[in-house]
N, C-alpha and C. Protein backbone atom coordinates (compact mmCIF):
# COMPACT_ATOMS: atom_id res chain seq x y z
N UNK A 1 27.50 -42.88 -61.89
CA UNK A 1 26.30 -42.85 -62.88
C UNK A 1 25.13 -42.87 -61.77
N UNK A 2 24.15 -41.97 -62.48
CA UNK A 2 22.56 -41.86 -61.63
C UNK A 2 22.07 -43.10 -61.98
N UNK A 3 21.25 -43.22 -60.93
CA UNK A 3 20.29 -44.38 -60.88
C UNK A 3 18.99 -43.97 -61.82
N UNK A 4 18.75 -45.14 -62.60
CA UNK A 4 17.67 -44.92 -63.56
C UNK A 4 16.39 -45.30 -63.08
N UNK A 5 15.05 -45.18 -63.16
CA UNK A 5 14.08 -45.16 -62.51
C UNK A 5 13.01 -45.67 -63.78
N UNK A 6 12.46 -46.58 -63.90
CA UNK A 6 11.47 -46.88 -64.88
C UNK A 6 9.99 -46.55 -64.38
N UNK A 7 9.19 -45.77 -64.77
CA UNK A 7 8.05 -45.57 -64.30
C UNK A 7 7.03 -46.39 -64.88
N UNK A 8 5.83 -46.65 -64.54
CA UNK A 8 4.75 -47.20 -65.08
C UNK A 8 4.27 -46.60 -66.49
N UNK A 9 4.29 -45.16 -66.60
CA UNK A 9 3.89 -44.62 -67.65
C UNK A 9 4.88 -45.38 -69.11
N UNK A 10 6.12 -45.93 -68.75
CA UNK A 10 6.88 -46.26 -69.77
C UNK A 10 8.06 -45.44 -70.23
N UNK A 11 7.96 -44.29 -69.25
CA UNK A 11 9.22 -43.43 -69.53
C UNK A 11 10.09 -43.09 -68.53
N UNK A 12 11.49 -42.83 -69.02
CA UNK A 12 12.39 -43.13 -67.80
C UNK A 12 13.03 -41.64 -67.50
N UNK A 13 13.25 -41.45 -66.03
CA UNK A 13 13.94 -40.26 -65.69
C UNK A 13 15.19 -40.58 -64.93
N UNK A 14 15.91 -39.62 -64.71
CA UNK A 14 17.13 -39.63 -63.83
C UNK A 14 16.99 -39.32 -62.89
N UNK A 15 17.45 -39.97 -61.61
CA UNK A 15 17.05 -39.58 -60.35
C UNK A 15 18.08 -38.42 -59.93
N UNK A 16 17.64 -37.22 -59.42
CA UNK A 16 18.50 -36.17 -59.14
C UNK A 16 19.23 -36.13 -57.91
N UNK A 17 19.77 -35.07 -57.65
CA UNK A 17 20.66 -34.74 -56.31
C UNK A 17 19.61 -34.69 -55.21
N UNK A 18 20.06 -34.93 -54.07
CA UNK A 18 19.02 -34.68 -53.02
C UNK A 18 17.74 -35.65 -52.83
N UNK A 19 17.57 -36.44 -53.63
CA UNK A 19 16.60 -37.52 -53.44
C UNK A 19 15.47 -36.53 -54.50
N UNK A 20 15.56 -35.81 -55.20
CA UNK A 20 14.32 -35.14 -56.01
C UNK A 20 14.46 -35.77 -57.48
N UNK A 21 13.69 -36.22 -58.08
CA UNK A 21 13.78 -36.73 -59.46
C UNK A 21 13.76 -35.71 -60.28
N UNK A 22 14.81 -36.07 -61.40
CA UNK A 22 14.97 -34.95 -62.48
C UNK A 22 13.82 -34.49 -63.02
N UNK A 23 12.81 -35.07 -63.05
CA UNK A 23 11.56 -34.56 -63.62
C UNK A 23 11.13 -33.20 -62.97
N UNK A 24 11.51 -33.13 -61.92
CA UNK A 24 11.31 -31.65 -60.98
C UNK A 24 11.58 -30.46 -61.41
N UNK A 25 13.04 -31.06 -62.25
CA UNK A 25 13.79 -30.02 -62.69
C UNK A 25 13.13 -29.34 -64.13
N UNK A 26 12.51 -30.04 -64.60
CA UNK A 26 11.88 -29.40 -66.20
C UNK A 26 10.37 -29.22 -65.70
N UNK A 27 9.77 -29.97 -64.82
CA UNK A 27 8.26 -29.66 -64.49
C UNK A 27 8.12 -28.27 -64.12
N UNK A 28 6.88 -27.67 -64.54
CA UNK A 28 6.48 -26.52 -63.67
C UNK A 28 5.62 -25.43 -65.03
N UNK A 29 5.71 -24.16 -64.72
CA UNK A 29 5.30 -23.34 -65.66
C UNK A 29 6.31 -22.51 -66.11
N UNK A 30 6.18 -22.40 -67.41
CA UNK A 30 7.49 -21.39 -67.93
C UNK A 30 6.61 -20.28 -69.10
N UNK A 31 7.79 -19.32 -69.37
CA UNK A 31 7.55 -18.30 -70.23
C UNK A 31 8.52 -17.85 -70.70
N UNK A 32 8.41 -17.24 -72.09
CA UNK A 32 9.62 -16.66 -72.64
C UNK A 32 10.03 -15.53 -72.12
N UNK A 33 9.35 -14.86 -71.19
CA UNK A 33 9.84 -13.80 -70.27
C UNK A 33 8.92 -13.42 -69.14
N UNK A 34 9.34 -12.98 -68.00
CA UNK A 34 8.77 -13.01 -66.84
C UNK A 34 7.32 -12.28 -66.89
N UNK A 35 7.28 -11.38 -67.93
CA UNK A 35 5.85 -10.44 -68.19
C UNK A 35 4.76 -11.74 -68.58
N UNK A 36 5.21 -12.80 -69.39
CA UNK A 36 4.33 -13.36 -70.08
C UNK A 36 3.62 -14.25 -68.65
N UNK A 37 4.37 -14.41 -67.72
CA UNK A 37 3.94 -15.47 -66.51
C UNK A 37 2.41 -15.23 -65.91
N UNK A 38 2.39 -14.18 -66.04
CA UNK A 38 0.98 -13.70 -65.54
C UNK A 38 -0.12 -13.50 -66.62
N UNK A 39 0.12 -13.52 -67.84
CA UNK A 39 -0.74 -13.60 -68.68
C UNK A 39 -1.15 -15.17 -69.30
N UNK A 40 -2.40 -15.50 -68.62
CA UNK A 40 -2.76 -17.21 -68.87
C UNK A 40 -3.30 -17.35 -70.62
N UNK A 41 -3.27 -16.10 -71.40
CA UNK A 41 -3.75 -16.43 -72.68
C UNK A 41 -2.32 -16.32 -73.62
N UNK A 42 -1.32 -15.85 -72.82
CA UNK A 42 -0.20 -15.50 -73.59
C UNK A 42 0.39 -16.88 -74.27
N UNK A 43 0.62 -16.85 -75.90
CA UNK A 43 0.77 -17.82 -76.43
C UNK A 43 2.76 -18.05 -76.26
N UNK A 44 2.86 -17.39 -75.15
CA UNK A 44 4.65 -17.52 -75.04
C UNK A 44 4.71 -18.13 -73.73
N UNK A 45 3.57 -18.97 -73.21
CA UNK A 45 3.58 -19.65 -71.92
C UNK A 45 3.81 -20.84 -72.33
N UNK A 46 4.11 -21.92 -71.30
CA UNK A 46 4.06 -23.59 -71.60
C UNK A 46 4.04 -23.74 -70.03
N UNK A 47 3.67 -25.11 -69.86
CA UNK A 47 3.71 -26.03 -68.77
C UNK A 47 4.13 -27.27 -69.07
N UNK A 48 5.00 -27.98 -68.14
CA UNK A 48 5.28 -29.35 -68.14
C UNK A 48 4.76 -30.10 -66.93
N UNK A 49 3.72 -30.97 -67.02
CA UNK A 49 3.05 -31.49 -66.10
C UNK A 49 3.49 -33.37 -66.00
N UNK A 50 3.23 -33.45 -65.03
CA UNK A 50 3.50 -35.07 -64.30
C UNK A 50 4.63 -35.61 -65.17
N UNK A 51 5.61 -35.03 -65.65
CA UNK A 51 6.68 -35.30 -66.52
C UNK A 51 6.72 -35.72 -67.71
N UNK A 52 5.33 -36.11 -68.18
CA UNK A 52 5.40 -36.40 -69.55
C UNK A 52 4.18 -35.55 -70.63
N UNK A 53 3.88 -34.58 -69.99
CA UNK A 53 2.75 -33.86 -70.64
C UNK A 53 3.02 -32.12 -70.86
N UNK A 54 3.31 -32.01 -72.10
CA UNK A 54 3.77 -30.38 -72.45
C UNK A 54 2.25 -29.87 -73.08
N UNK A 55 2.20 -28.60 -72.58
CA UNK A 55 1.01 -27.81 -73.06
C UNK A 55 1.62 -26.22 -73.23
N UNK A 56 1.30 -25.97 -74.49
CA UNK A 56 1.30 -24.34 -75.01
C UNK A 56 -0.10 -24.17 -75.23
N UNK A 57 -0.01 -22.67 -75.69
CA UNK A 57 -1.33 -21.87 -75.96
C UNK A 57 -2.69 -22.91 -76.70
N UNK A 58 -1.96 -23.15 -77.74
CA UNK A 58 -2.93 -23.99 -78.75
C UNK A 58 -2.47 -25.37 -79.14
N UNK A 59 -1.30 -25.89 -78.23
CA UNK A 59 -0.71 -27.23 -78.59
C UNK A 59 -0.62 -28.03 -77.50
N UNK A 60 -0.77 -29.33 -77.54
CA UNK A 60 -0.46 -30.30 -76.17
C UNK A 60 0.38 -31.54 -77.01
N UNK A 61 1.14 -31.89 -75.85
CA UNK A 61 1.94 -33.13 -76.57
C UNK A 61 2.12 -34.01 -75.24
N UNK A 62 2.36 -35.29 -75.40
CA UNK A 62 2.66 -36.30 -74.47
C UNK A 62 4.03 -36.69 -75.26
N UNK A 63 4.83 -37.14 -73.90
CA UNK A 63 6.01 -37.79 -74.49
C UNK A 63 5.93 -39.37 -73.96
N UNK A 64 6.14 -40.01 -75.10
CA UNK A 64 6.16 -41.35 -75.10
C UNK A 64 7.58 -42.36 -74.69
N UNK A 65 8.46 -41.55 -74.56
CA UNK A 65 9.64 -41.76 -74.21
C UNK A 65 10.54 -40.61 -73.90
N UNK A 66 11.28 -40.71 -72.84
CA UNK A 66 11.97 -39.69 -71.91
C UNK A 66 13.33 -39.95 -71.62
N UNK A 67 14.53 -39.74 -72.33
CA UNK A 67 16.07 -40.49 -72.06
C UNK A 67 17.02 -39.20 -71.69
N UNK A 68 17.43 -39.70 -70.57
CA UNK A 68 18.70 -38.42 -70.16
C UNK A 68 19.58 -38.28 -71.38
N UNK A 69 20.23 -36.91 -71.53
CA UNK A 69 21.19 -36.71 -72.54
C UNK A 69 22.05 -35.77 -71.94
N UNK A 70 22.89 -36.25 -70.99
CA UNK A 70 23.98 -35.60 -70.39
C UNK A 70 23.18 -35.27 -68.87
N UNK A 71 24.00 -34.16 -68.33
CA UNK A 71 23.59 -33.81 -67.12
C UNK A 71 22.42 -32.69 -67.31
N UNK A 72 21.16 -32.83 -66.89
CA UNK A 72 20.38 -31.72 -66.74
C UNK A 72 19.40 -31.50 -67.91
N UNK A 73 19.59 -32.65 -68.84
CA UNK A 73 19.35 -32.67 -70.49
C UNK A 73 18.44 -33.78 -70.70
N UNK A 74 17.51 -33.86 -71.48
CA UNK A 74 16.58 -34.86 -71.97
C UNK A 74 16.45 -34.89 -73.25
N UNK A 75 16.25 -36.18 -73.94
CA UNK A 75 15.77 -36.04 -75.28
C UNK A 75 14.14 -36.80 -75.04
N UNK A 76 13.26 -36.21 -75.87
CA UNK A 76 11.55 -36.49 -75.68
C UNK A 76 11.34 -37.03 -77.06
N UNK A 77 10.51 -38.16 -77.14
CA UNK A 77 9.51 -38.54 -78.46
C UNK A 77 8.16 -37.88 -77.78
N UNK A 78 7.74 -36.94 -78.66
CA UNK A 78 6.63 -36.75 -78.43
C UNK A 78 5.34 -36.74 -79.62
N UNK A 79 4.26 -37.13 -79.04
CA UNK A 79 3.12 -36.90 -79.86
C UNK A 79 2.25 -35.90 -79.77
N UNK A 80 2.17 -34.91 -80.53
CA UNK A 80 1.48 -33.49 -80.30
C UNK A 80 0.26 -33.56 -81.00
N UNK A 81 -0.61 -32.58 -80.40
CA UNK A 81 -2.08 -32.22 -81.38
C UNK A 81 -1.96 -30.55 -81.03
N UNK A 82 -2.38 -29.84 -82.23
CA UNK A 82 -2.30 -28.47 -82.23
C UNK A 82 -2.92 -28.06 -83.48
N UNK A 83 -4.12 -27.00 -83.24
CA UNK A 83 -4.35 -26.42 -84.55
C UNK A 83 -5.21 -27.18 -85.69
N UNK A 84 -5.89 -28.44 -84.83
CA UNK A 84 -6.64 -29.30 -85.98
C UNK A 84 -5.39 -30.48 -86.41
N UNK A 85 -4.38 -30.17 -85.98
CA UNK A 85 -3.44 -31.19 -86.61
C UNK A 85 -2.69 -32.30 -85.61
N UNK A 86 -2.13 -33.29 -86.05
CA UNK A 86 -1.26 -34.22 -85.27
C UNK A 86 -0.20 -34.60 -85.79
N UNK A 87 0.96 -34.26 -84.97
CA UNK A 87 2.38 -34.52 -85.43
C UNK A 87 3.22 -35.17 -84.28
N UNK A 88 4.61 -35.41 -84.54
CA UNK A 88 5.53 -36.05 -83.77
C UNK A 88 6.66 -34.85 -83.84
N UNK A 89 7.34 -34.97 -82.59
CA UNK A 89 8.29 -33.98 -82.47
C UNK A 89 9.54 -34.67 -81.67
N UNK A 90 10.64 -34.26 -81.48
CA UNK A 90 11.98 -34.89 -80.95
C UNK A 90 12.68 -33.93 -80.55
N UNK A 91 12.31 -33.30 -79.49
CA UNK A 91 12.91 -32.14 -78.78
C UNK A 91 13.99 -32.44 -77.81
N UNK A 92 14.95 -31.62 -77.55
CA UNK A 92 15.90 -31.78 -76.46
C UNK A 92 15.78 -30.90 -75.68
N UNK A 93 15.60 -31.30 -74.39
CA UNK A 93 15.00 -30.38 -73.08
C UNK A 93 16.31 -30.12 -72.28
N UNK A 94 16.85 -28.85 -71.82
CA UNK A 94 17.72 -29.01 -70.68
C UNK A 94 17.11 -27.99 -69.81
N UNK A 95 17.80 -27.78 -68.36
CA UNK A 95 17.59 -26.56 -67.60
C UNK A 95 19.09 -26.37 -67.48
N UNK A 96 19.18 -25.08 -67.86
CA UNK A 96 20.59 -24.17 -67.80
C UNK A 96 20.93 -24.06 -66.29
N UNK A 97 22.31 -23.65 -66.29
CA UNK A 97 22.80 -23.27 -64.80
C UNK A 97 21.96 -22.30 -64.17
N UNK A 98 21.34 -21.29 -65.19
CA UNK A 98 20.85 -20.14 -64.72
C UNK A 98 19.11 -20.43 -64.42
N UNK A 99 19.03 -21.69 -64.54
CA UNK A 99 17.69 -21.90 -64.01
C UNK A 99 16.53 -21.94 -65.24
N UNK A 100 17.02 -21.59 -66.52
CA UNK A 100 16.04 -21.72 -67.93
C UNK A 100 16.09 -22.72 -68.15
N UNK A 101 14.72 -23.06 -69.02
CA UNK A 101 14.69 -24.20 -69.66
C UNK A 101 15.00 -24.13 -71.34
N UNK A 102 15.52 -24.56 -71.83
CA UNK A 102 16.15 -24.77 -73.23
C UNK A 102 15.37 -25.83 -73.92
N UNK A 103 14.79 -25.24 -74.77
CA UNK A 103 14.15 -26.67 -75.95
C UNK A 103 14.89 -26.34 -77.33
N UNK A 104 15.60 -27.60 -77.65
CA UNK A 104 16.08 -27.38 -78.85
C UNK A 104 15.18 -28.18 -79.79
N UNK A 105 14.62 -27.66 -81.12
CA UNK A 105 13.80 -28.70 -82.05
C UNK A 105 12.61 -28.98 -81.34
N UNK A 106 11.85 -27.81 -80.83
CA UNK A 106 10.69 -27.81 -79.78
C UNK A 106 9.63 -28.16 -81.06
N UNK A 107 8.48 -28.32 -80.75
CA UNK A 107 7.17 -28.60 -81.57
C UNK A 107 6.61 -27.30 -81.79
N UNK A 108 6.78 -25.99 -80.92
CA UNK A 108 6.11 -25.01 -81.34
C UNK A 108 7.39 -23.90 -81.25
N UNK A 109 6.91 -22.86 -81.85
CA UNK A 109 8.02 -21.61 -81.88
C UNK A 109 8.33 -21.32 -83.25
N UNK A 110 9.05 -20.20 -83.71
CA UNK A 110 9.53 -20.10 -84.79
C UNK A 110 11.04 -20.42 -84.88
N UNK A 111 11.67 -20.59 -83.95
CA UNK A 111 13.08 -21.05 -83.89
C UNK A 111 13.07 -22.37 -83.79
N UNK A 112 14.49 -22.57 -83.84
CA UNK A 112 14.94 -24.29 -83.40
C UNK A 112 15.14 -24.23 -82.08
N UNK A 113 15.43 -22.84 -81.39
CA UNK A 113 15.55 -22.86 -79.97
C UNK A 113 14.47 -22.09 -79.25
N UNK A 114 14.04 -22.53 -78.31
CA UNK A 114 13.03 -21.56 -77.31
C UNK A 114 14.01 -21.76 -76.06
N UNK A 115 14.02 -20.30 -75.20
CA UNK A 115 14.21 -20.35 -73.85
C UNK A 115 13.15 -20.01 -72.93
N UNK A 116 12.97 -20.67 -72.09
CA UNK A 116 12.04 -19.89 -71.11
C UNK A 116 12.62 -19.79 -69.69
N UNK A 117 11.60 -18.99 -68.71
CA UNK A 117 12.18 -18.57 -67.70
C UNK A 117 10.75 -19.31 -66.80
N UNK A 118 11.63 -19.69 -65.67
CA UNK A 118 10.29 -20.34 -64.74
C UNK A 118 9.78 -19.19 -64.11
N UNK A 119 8.08 -19.73 -64.37
CA UNK A 119 7.22 -18.81 -63.46
C UNK A 119 6.98 -19.26 -62.33
N UNK A 120 6.66 -18.33 -61.20
CA UNK A 120 6.29 -18.82 -59.83
C UNK A 120 4.89 -18.76 -60.01
N UNK A 121 4.54 -19.68 -59.18
CA UNK A 121 2.94 -20.14 -59.43
C UNK A 121 2.55 -19.99 -58.09
N UNK A 122 1.37 -18.98 -57.57
CA UNK A 122 1.01 -19.09 -56.26
C UNK A 122 0.69 -20.39 -55.72
N UNK A 123 1.02 -20.59 -54.51
CA UNK A 123 0.50 -21.71 -53.66
C UNK A 123 -1.14 -21.67 -53.56
N UNK A 124 -1.74 -22.77 -53.46
CA UNK A 124 -3.05 -22.88 -52.99
C UNK A 124 -3.27 -22.87 -51.65
N UNK A 125 -4.35 -22.01 -50.81
CA UNK A 125 -4.65 -21.84 -49.62
C UNK A 125 -5.34 -22.77 -49.15
C-alpha cells in the first residue's frame, strides 16, 4: 500500500512511484485537444495548480478533500465559483495509461465525463 501524506492544507495525496507525489500526475495545464493548448482564451482549457486549485475559463474551484480512489485516481470535494454562482462538485479525476486526464462528474462541461490532453508549457528563461 502506498504511503499517505497529510499536507498542511488538510488534503491527502498518495505518494507515487519514484519519489514523486501523486499530485504531480494530475497537476498542470490540460485541454480538450492539442489545438486548444495554445489558445489562452479557450473555454476548452483547464489547469490544476498546487494540488487543490482547479481553473477553467470562467470557473475556479478549490478542493477541500482529495482521496485516493485506486491507482492514478482520486475523488475530490470541490467548492466552485463561476459565472456569478457558487456551487459544490464531487468529481473523480484519473490519469489514464495514455497520459490523458479523465474527469467524471466534473463541475464544467456538457457531459458527465471530460477527457483532456496535457499541454506542454514553455519553461521560463
